[in-house]
């Protein structure tokens, strides 16, 4: 059975600690689910900004490719091998 790492983005938004935790998770997992809570001031428009900020942070110095889907206020982030 696959395990999926789960995260929450709260009132402080995406922090460097969130990015570092995701980097550690993607060393052993291929998928993470990130819930964006109401306290973060979430809107549909802000979801794209949150995802782009997360992916930019994850790509710093790493040879990988990330794909995402936004389902409601949940971001499903998948790691793929770089070509």
PDB file of N, CA and C in Angstrom:
ATOM      1  N   UNK A   1       0.837  -1.178   0.000  1.00  0.00           N
ATOM      2  CA  UNK A   1       0.000   0.000   0.000  1.00  0.00           C
ATOM      3  C   UNK A   1       0.884   1.245   0.000  1.00  0.00           C
ATOM      4  N   UNK A   2       0.560   2.177  -0.869  1.00  0.00           N
ATOM      5  CA  UNK A   2       1.332   3.413  -0.952  1.00  0.00           C
ATOM      6  C   UNK A   2       0.961   4.336   0.192  1.00  0.00           C
ATOM      7  N   UNK A   3       1.974   5.027   0.695  1.00  0.00           N
ATOM      8  CA  UNK A   3       1.706   6.061   1.686  1.00  0.00           C
ATOM      9  C   UNK A   3       1.863   7.414   1.014  1.00  0.00           C
ATOM     10  N   UNK A   4       1.014   8.314   1.391  1.00  0.00           N
ATOM     11  CA  UNK A   4       1.032   9.663   0.830  1.00  0.00           C
ATOM     12  C   UNK A   4       1.329  10.624   1.959  1.00  0.00           C
ATOM     13  N   UNK A   5       2.292  11.495   1.728  1.00  0.00           N
ATOM     14  CA  UNK A   5       2.631  12.510   2.724  1.00  0.00           C
ATOM     15  C   UNK A   5       1.569  13.606   2.668  1.00  0.00           C
ATOM     16  N   UNK A   6       1.143  14.069   3.848  1.00  0.00           N
ATOM     17  CA  UNK A   6       0.102  15.100   3.919  1.00  0.00           C
ATOM     18  C   UNK A   6       0.634  16.321   4.648  1.00  0.00           C
ATOM     19  N   UNK A   7       0.362  17.482   4.080  1.00  0.00           N
ATOM     20  CA  UNK A   7       0.788  18.758   4.651  1.00  0.00           C
ATOM     21  C   UNK A   7      -0.396  19.702   4.708  1.00  0.00           C
ATOM     22  N   UNK A   8      -0.254  20.738   5.537  1.00  0.00           N
ATOM     23  CA  UNK A   8      -1.255  21.795   5.599  1.00  0.00           C
ATOM     24  C   UNK A   8      -0.547  23.139   5.512  1.00  0.00           C
ATOM     25  N   UNK A   9      -1.140  24.042   4.746  1.00  0.00           N
ATOM     26  CA  UNK A   9      -0.655  25.417   4.653  1.00  0.00           C
ATOM     27  C   UNK A   9      -1.637  26.265   5.444  1.00  0.00           C
ATOM     28  N   UNK A  10      -1.152  26.930   6.477  1.00  0.00           N
ATOM     29  CA  UNK A  10      -2.018  27.695   7.361  1.00  0.00           C
ATOM     30  C   UNK A  10      -1.848  29.191   7.212  1.00  0.00           C
ATOM     31  N   UNK A  11      -2.054  29.906   8.315  1.00  0.00           N
ATOM     32  CA  UNK A  11      -2.090  31.366   8.275  1.00  0.00           C
ATOM     33  C   UNK A  11      -0.749  32.014   7.931  1.00  0.00           C
ATOM     34  N   UNK A  12       0.364  31.284   8.093  1.00  0.00           N
ATOM     35  CA  UNK A  12       1.663  31.852   7.742  1.00  0.00           C
ATOM     36  C   UNK A  12       2.025  31.606   6.286  1.00  0.00           C
ATOM     37  N   UNK A  13       1.177  30.908   5.550  1.00  0.00           N
ATOM     38  CA  UNK A  13       1.426  30.640   4.134  1.00  0.00           C
ATOM     39  C   UNK A  13       2.542  29.628   3.957  1.00  0.00           C
ATOM     40  N   UNK A  14       3.154  29.662   2.788  1.00  0.00           N
ATOM     41  CA  UNK A  14       4.248  28.740   2.483  1.00  0.00           C
ATOM     42  C   UNK A  14       5.531  29.331   3.052  1.00  0.00           C
ATOM     43  N   UNK A  15       6.152  28.586   3.945  1.00  0.00           N
ATOM     44  CA  UNK A  15       7.391  29.052   4.570  1.00  0.00           C
ATOM     45  C   UNK A  15       8.558  28.220   4.072  1.00  0.00           C
ATOM     46  N   UNK A  16       9.750  28.660   4.384  1.00  0.00           N
ATOM     47  CA  UNK A  16      10.937  27.889   4.001  1.00  0.00           C
ATOM     48  C   UNK A  16      10.948  26.543   4.717  1.00  0.00           C
ATOM     49  N   UNK A  17      10.359  26.483   5.892  1.00  0.00           N
ATOM     50  CA  UNK A  17      10.243  25.214   6.612  1.00  0.00           C
ATOM     51  C   UNK A  17       9.359  24.220   5.870  1.00  0.00           C
ATOM     52  N   UNK A  18       8.276  24.715   5.255  1.00  0.00           N
ATOM     53  CA  UNK A  18       7.408  23.854   4.444  1.00  0.00           C
ATOM     54  C   UNK A  18       8.184  23.283   3.253  1.00  0.00           C
ATOM     55  N   UNK A  19       8.951  24.137   2.614  1.00  0.00           N
ATOM     56  CA  UNK A  19       9.723  23.712   1.440  1.00  0.00           C
ATOM     57  C   UNK A  19      10.753  22.656   1.836  1.00  0.00           C
ATOM     58  N   UNK A  20      11.454  22.887   2.923  1.00  0.00           N
ATOM     59  CA  UNK A  20      12.469  21.925   3.380  1.00  0.00           C
ATOM     60  C   UNK A  20      11.828  20.589   3.764  1.00  0.00           C
ATOM     61  N   UNK A  21      10.672  20.640   4.411  1.00  0.00           N
ATOM     62  CA  UNK A  21       9.974  19.405   4.776  1.00  0.00           C
ATOM     63  C   UNK A  21       9.535  18.646   3.527  1.00  0.00           C
ATOM     64  N   UNK A  22       9.068  19.352   2.506  1.00  0.00           N
ATOM     65  CA  UNK A  22       8.676  18.703   1.264  1.00  0.00           C
ATOM     66  C   UNK A  22       9.877  18.087   0.554  1.00  0.00           C
ATOM     67  N   UNK A  23      11.018  18.767   0.589  1.00  0.00           N
ATOM     68  CA  UNK A  23      12.235  18.204  -0.014  1.00  0.00           C
ATOM     69  C   UNK A  23      12.600  16.886   0.654  1.00  0.00           C
ATOM     70  N   UNK A  24      12.502  16.848   1.968  1.00  0.00           N
ATOM     71  CA  UNK A  24      12.805  15.609   2.686  1.00  0.00           C
ATOM     72  C   UNK A  24      11.805  14.506   2.348  1.00  0.00           C
ATOM     73  N   UNK A  25      10.543  14.857   2.239  1.00  0.00           N
ATOM     74  CA  UNK A  25       9.511  13.875   1.926  1.00  0.00           C
ATOM     75  C   UNK A  25       9.719  13.290   0.536  1.00  0.00           C
ATOM     76  N   UNK A  26      10.080  14.128  -0.428  1.00  0.00           N
ATOM     77  CA  UNK A  26      10.235  13.648  -1.795  1.00  0.00           C
ATOM     78  C   UNK A  26      11.491  12.794  -1.993  1.00  0.00           C
ATOM     79  N   UNK A  27      12.311  12.662  -0.979  1.00  0.00           N
ATOM     80  CA  UNK A  27      13.427  11.721  -1.058  1.00  0.00           C
ATOM     81  C   UNK A  27      12.916  10.290  -0.946  1.00  0.00           C
ATOM     82  N   UNK A  28      11.787  10.084  -0.275  1.00  0.00           N
ATOM     83  CA  UNK A  28      11.256   8.737  -0.085  1.00  0.00           C
ATOM     84  C   UNK A  28       9.862   8.531  -0.674  1.00  0.00           C
ATOM     85  N   UNK A  29       9.143   9.594  -0.960  1.00  0.00           N
ATOM     86  CA  UNK A  29       7.786   9.494  -1.497  1.00  0.00           C
ATOM     87  C   UNK A  29       7.738  10.104  -2.891  1.00  0.00           C
ATOM     88  N   UNK A  30       6.716   9.727  -3.635  1.00  0.00           N
ATOM     89  CA  UNK A  30       6.517  10.302  -4.966  1.00  0.00           C
ATOM     90  C   UNK A  30       5.328  11.249  -5.016  1.00  0.00           C
ATOM     91  N   UNK A  31       4.542  11.271  -3.935  1.00  0.00           N
ATOM     92  CA  UNK A  31       3.351  12.109  -3.939  1.00  0.00           C
ATOM     93  C   UNK A  31       3.141  12.756  -2.579  1.00  0.00           C
ATOM     94  N   UNK A  32       2.680  14.011  -2.612  1.00  0.00           N
ATOM     95  CA  UNK A  32       2.325  14.725  -1.389  1.00  0.00           C
ATOM     96  C   UNK A  32       0.997  15.436  -1.625  1.00  0.00           C
ATOM     97  N   UNK A  33       0.166  15.444  -0.589  1.00  0.00           N
ATOM     98  CA  UNK A  33      -1.101  16.165  -0.636  1.00  0.00           C
ATOM     99  C   UNK A  33      -0.995  17.342   0.321  1.00  0.00           C
ATOM    100  N   UNK A  34      -1.273  18.519  -0.201  1.00  0.00           N
ATOM    101  CA  UNK A  34      -1.138  19.741   0.577  1.00  0.00           C
ATOM    102  C   UNK A  34      -2.513  20.393   0.680  1.00  0.00           C
ATOM    103  N   UNK A  35      -3.025  20.478   1.889  1.00  0.00           N
ATOM    104  CA  UNK A  35      -4.313  21.133   2.133  1.00  0.00           C
ATOM    105  C   UNK A  35      -4.060  22.595   2.455  1.00  0.00           C
ATOM    106  N   UNK A  36      -4.771  23.466   1.776  1.00  0.00           N
ATOM    107  CA  UNK A  36      -4.660  24.905   2.031  1.00  0.00           C
ATOM    108  C   UNK A  36      -5.848  25.287   2.907  1.00  0.00           C
ATOM    109  N   UNK A  37      -5.553  25.699   4.127  1.00  0.00           N
ATOM    110  CA  UNK A  37      -6.592  25.999   5.103  1.00  0.00           C
ATOM    111  C   UNK A  37      -7.191  27.387   4.893  1.00  0.00           C
ATOM    112  N   UNK A  38      -8.369  27.601   5.441  1.00  0.00           N
ATOM    113  CA  UNK A  38      -9.043  28.895   5.317  1.00  0.00           C
ATOM    114  C   UNK A  38      -8.225  30.022   5.928  1.00  0.00           C
ATOM    115  N   UNK A  39      -7.495  29.715   6.992  1.00  0.00           N
ATOM    116  CA  UNK A  39      -6.732  30.757   7.679  1.00  0.00           C
ATOM    117  C   UNK A  39      -5.614  31.331   6.818  1.00  0.00           C
ATOM    118  N   UNK A  40      -5.284  30.664   5.715  1.00  0.00           N
ATOM    119  CA  UNK A  40      -4.239  31.188   4.830  1.00  0.00           C
ATOM    120  C   UNK A  40      -4.783  32.235   3.876  1.00  0.00           C
ATOM    121  N   UNK A  41      -6.087  32.505   3.946  1.00  0.00           N
ATOM    122  CA  UNK A  41      -6.694  33.489   3.050  1.00  0.00           C
ATOM    123  C   UNK A  41      -6.852  32.934   1.650  1.00  0.00           C
ATOM    124  N   UNK A  42      -7.165  31.656   1.568  1.00  0.00           N
ATOM    125  CA  UNK A  42      -7.205  30.964   0.288  1.00  0.00           C
ATOM    126  C   UNK A  42      -8.287  31.472  -0.640  1.00  0.00           C
ATOM    127  N   UNK A  43      -7.943  31.528  -1.899  1.00  0.00           N
ATOM    128  CA  UNK A  43      -8.879  31.789  -2.987  1.00  0.00           C
ATOM    129  C   UNK A  43      -8.431  30.929  -4.154  1.00  0.00           C
ATOM    130  N   UNK A  44      -9.269  30.803  -5.131  1.00  0.00           N
ATOM    131  CA  UNK A  44      -8.893  30.009  -6.313  1.00  0.00           C
ATOM    132  C   UNK A  44      -7.665  30.605  -7.003  1.00  0.00           C
ATOM    133  N   UNK A  45      -7.570  31.919  -7.042  1.00  0.00           N
ATOM    134  CA  UNK A  45      -6.444  32.584  -7.698  1.00  0.00           C
ATOM    135  C   UNK A  45      -5.148  32.373  -6.909  1.00  0.00           C
ATOM    136  N   UNK A  46      -5.259  32.365  -5.610  1.00  0.00           N
ATOM    137  CA  UNK A  46      -4.052  32.226  -4.792  1.00  0.00           C
ATOM    138  C   UNK A  46      -3.490  30.803  -4.830  1.00  0.00           C
ATOM    139  N   UNK A  47      -4.303  29.827  -5.194  1.00  0.00           N
ATOM    140  CA  UNK A  47      -3.836  28.444  -5.261  1.00  0.00           C
ATOM    141  C   UNK A  47      -2.721  28.282  -6.293  1.00  0.00           C
ATOM    142  N   UNK A  48      -2.867  28.908  -7.450  1.00  0.00           N
ATOM    143  CA  UNK A  48      -1.824  28.841  -8.489  1.00  0.00           C
ATOM    144  C   UNK A  48      -0.532  29.484  -8.002  1.00  0.00           C
ATOM    145  N   UNK A  49      -0.644  30.589  -7.279  1.00  0.00           N
ATOM    146  CA  UNK A  49       0.544  31.261  -6.747  1.00  0.00           C
ATOM    147  C   UNK A  49       1.242  30.386  -5.714  1.00  0.00           C
ATOM    148  N   UNK A  50       0.463  29.723  -4.878  1.00  0.00           N
ATOM    149  CA  UNK A  50       1.031  28.848  -3.856  1.00  0.00           C
ATOM    150  C   UNK A  50       1.783  27.698  -4.510  1.00  0.00           C
ATOM    151  N   UNK A  51       1.183  27.091  -5.523  1.00  0.00           N
ATOM    152  CA  UNK A  51       1.821  25.966  -6.213  1.00  0.00           C
ATOM    153  C   UNK A  51       3.104  26.405  -6.893  1.00  0.00           C
ATOM    154  N   UNK A  52       3.082  27.540  -7.574  1.00  0.00           N
ATOM    155  CA  UNK A  52       4.293  27.992  -8.270  1.00  0.00           C
ATOM    156  C   UNK A  52       5.414  28.294  -7.280  1.00  0.00           C
ATOM    157  N   UNK A  53       5.078  28.858  -6.129  1.00  0.00           N
ATOM    158  CA  UNK A  53       6.085  29.143  -5.107  1.00  0.00           C
ATOM    159  C   UNK A  53       6.678  27.843  -4.558  1.00  0.00           C
ATOM    160  N   UNK A  54       5.833  26.843  -4.328  1.00  0.00           N
ATOM    161  CA  UNK A  54       6.310  25.556  -3.812  1.00  0.00           C
ATOM    162  C   UNK A  54       7.235  24.888  -4.824  1.00  0.00           C
ATOM    163  N   UNK A  55       6.831  24.856  -6.085  1.00  0.00           N
ATOM    164  CA  UNK A  55       7.632  24.185  -7.104  1.00  0.00           C
ATOM    165  C   UNK A  55       8.953  24.908  -7.323  1.00  0.00           C
ATOM    166  N   UNK A  56       8.954  26.237  -7.314  1.00  0.00           N
ATOM    167  CA  UNK A  56      10.217  26.977  -7.442  1.00  0.00           C
ATOM    168  C   UNK A  56      11.158  26.639  -6.311  1.00  0.00           C
ATOM    169  N   UNK A  57      10.629  26.516  -5.104  1.00  0.00           N
ATOM    170  CA  UNK A  57      11.459  26.163  -3.954  1.00  0.00           C
ATOM    171  C   UNK A  57      11.996  24.751  -4.044  1.00  0.00           C
ATOM    172  N   UNK A  58      11.199  23.837  -4.563  1.00  0.00           N
ATOM    173  CA  UNK A  58      11.635  22.449  -4.682  1.00  0.00           C
ATOM    174  C   UNK A  58      12.661  22.257  -5.793  1.00  0.00           C
ATOM    175  N   UNK A  59      12.574  23.042  -6.845  1.00  0.00           N
ATOM    176  CA  UNK A  59      13.467  22.884  -7.982  1.00  0.00           C
ATOM    177  C   UNK A  59      14.853  23.469  -7.767  1.00  0.00           C
ATOM    178  N   UNK A  60      15.037  24.257  -6.734  1.00  0.00           N
ATOM    179  CA  UNK A  60      16.328  24.896  -6.486  1.00  0.00           C
ATOM    180  C   UNK A  60      17.406  23.832  -6.286  1.00  0.00           C
ATOM    181  N   UNK A  61      18.269  23.675  -7.297  1.00  0.00           N
ATOM    182  CA  UNK A  61      19.387  22.753  -7.204  1.00  0.00           C
ATOM    183  C   UNK A  61      19.033  21.288  -7.346  1.00  0.00           C
ATOM    184  N   UNK A  62      17.859  20.980  -7.866  1.00  0.00           N
ATOM    185  CA  UNK A  62      17.447  19.578  -7.983  1.00  0.00           C
ATOM    186  C   UNK A  62      17.073  19.256  -9.422  1.00  0.00           C
ATOM    187  N   UNK A  63      17.419  18.064  -9.844  1.00  0.00           N
ATOM    188  CA  UNK A  63      17.082  17.625 -11.199  1.00  0.00           C
ATOM    189  C   UNK A  63      15.867  16.706 -11.122  1.00  0.00           C
ATOM    190  N   UNK A  64      14.700  17.298 -11.074  1.00  0.00           N
ATOM    191  CA  UNK A  64      13.454  16.535 -11.026  1.00  0.00           C
ATOM    192  C   UNK A  64      12.363  17.364 -11.693  1.00  0.00           C
ATOM    193  N   UNK A  65      11.254  16.725 -11.921  1.00  0.00           N
ATOM    194  CA  UNK A  65      10.121  17.407 -12.521  1.00  0.00           C
ATOM    195  C   UNK A  65       8.914  17.173 -11.626  1.00  0.00           C
ATOM    196  N   UNK A  66       8.152  18.200 -11.398  1.00  0.00           N
ATOM    197  CA  UNK A  66       6.979  18.091 -10.531  1.00  0.00           C
ATOM    198  C   UNK A  66       5.724  18.408 -11.324  1.00  0.00           C
ATOM    199  N   UNK A  67       4.698  17.612 -11.082  1.00  0.00           N
ATOM    200  CA  UNK A  67       3.399  17.842 -11.684  1.00  0.00           C
ATOM    201  C   UNK A  67       2.397  18.035 -10.560  1.00  0.00           C
ATOM    202  N   UNK A  68       1.378  18.799 -10.813  1.00  0.00           N
ATOM    203  CA  UNK A  68       0.391  19.046  -9.758  1.00  0.00           C
ATOM    204  C   UNK A  68      -1.014  19.065 -10.322  1.00  0.00           C
ATOM    205  N   UNK A  69      -1.953  18.814  -9.436  1.00  0.00           N
ATOM    206  CA  UNK A  69      -3.376  18.964  -9.706  1.00  0.00           C
ATOM    207  C   UNK A  69      -3.970  19.701  -8.530  1.00  0.00           C
ATOM    208  N   UNK A  70      -4.908  20.571  -8.816  1.00  0.00           N
ATOM    209  CA  UNK A  70      -5.618  21.279  -7.753  1.00  0.00           C
ATOM    210  C   UNK A  70      -7.032  20.717  -7.717  1.00  0.00           C
ATOM    211  N   UNK A  71      -7.376  20.139  -6.583  1.00  0.00           N
ATOM    212  CA  UNK A  71      -8.707  19.564  -6.385  1.00  0.00           C
ATOM    213  C   UNK A  71      -9.319  20.289  -5.195  1.00  0.00           C
ATOM    214  N   UNK A  72     -10.253  21.168  -5.476  1.00  0.00           N
ATOM    215  CA  UNK A  72     -10.833  21.986  -4.406  1.00  0.00           C
ATOM    216  C   UNK A  72      -9.766  22.886  -3.825  1.00  0.00           C
ATOM    217  N   UNK A  73      -9.484  22.708  -2.541  1.00  0.00           N
ATOM    218  CA  UNK A  73      -8.409  23.471  -1.908  1.00  0.00           C
ATOM    219  C   UNK A  73      -7.293  22.538  -1.458  1.00  0.00           C
ATOM    220  N   UNK A  74      -7.098  21.476  -2.231  1.00  0.00           N
ATOM    221  CA  UNK A  74      -6.022  20.524  -1.985  1.00  0.00           C
ATOM    222  C   UNK A  74      -5.131  20.470  -3.217  1.00  0.00           C
ATOM    223  N   UNK A  75      -3.828  20.496  -2.994  1.00  0.00           N
ATOM    224  CA  UNK A  75      -2.844  20.389  -4.065  1.00  0.00           C
ATOM    225  C   UNK A  75      -2.255  18.986  -3.996  1.00  0.00           C
ATOM    226  N   UNK A  76      -2.336  18.261  -5.093  1.00  0.00           N
ATOM    227  CA  UNK A  76      -1.717  16.944  -5.178  1.00  0.00           C
ATOM    228  C   UNK A  76      -0.456  17.123  -6.015  1.00  0.00           C
ATOM    229  N   UNK A  77       0.696  16.935  -5.387  1.00  0.00           N
ATOM    230  CA  UNK A  77       1.987  17.191  -6.012  1.00  0.00           C
ATOM    231  C   UNK A  77       2.701  15.871  -6.229  1.00  0.00           C
ATOM    232  N   UNK A  78       3.103  15.601  -7.493  1.00  0.00           N
ATOM    233  CA  UNK A  78       3.789  14.364  -7.845  1.00  0.00           C
ATOM    234  C   UNK A  78       5.193  14.679  -8.338  1.00  0.00           C
ATOM    235  N   UNK A  79       6.133  13.828  -7.964  1.00  0.00           N
ATOM    236  CA  UNK A  79       7.510  13.979  -8.420  1.00  0.00           C
ATOM    237  C   UNK A  79       7.759  12.983  -9.546  1.00  0.00           C
ATOM    238  N   UNK A  80       8.316  13.462 -10.629  1.00  0.00           N
ATOM    239  CA  UNK A  80       8.682  12.629 -11.768  1.00  0.00           C
ATOM    240  C   UNK A  80      10.187  12.751 -11.986  1.00  0.00           C
ATOM    241  N   UNK A  81      10.773  11.734 -12.558  1.00  0.00           N
ATOM    242  CA  UNK A  81      12.196  11.778 -12.857  1.00  0.00           C
ATOM    243  C   UNK A  81      12.452  12.764 -13.986  1.00  0.00           C
ATOM    244  N   UNK A  82      13.578  13.443 -13.922  1.00  0.00           N
ATOM    245  CA  UNK A  82      13.964  14.380 -14.968  1.00  0.00           C
ATOM    246  C   UNK A  82      14.376  13.599 -16.203  1.00  0.00           C
ATOM    247  N   UNK A  83      14.118  14.153 -17.339  1.00  0.00           N
ATOM    248  CA  UNK A  83      14.464  13.478 -18.605  1.00  0.00           C
ATOM    249  C   UNK A  83      15.845  13.833 -19.038  1.00  0.00           C
TER     250      UNK A  83
END
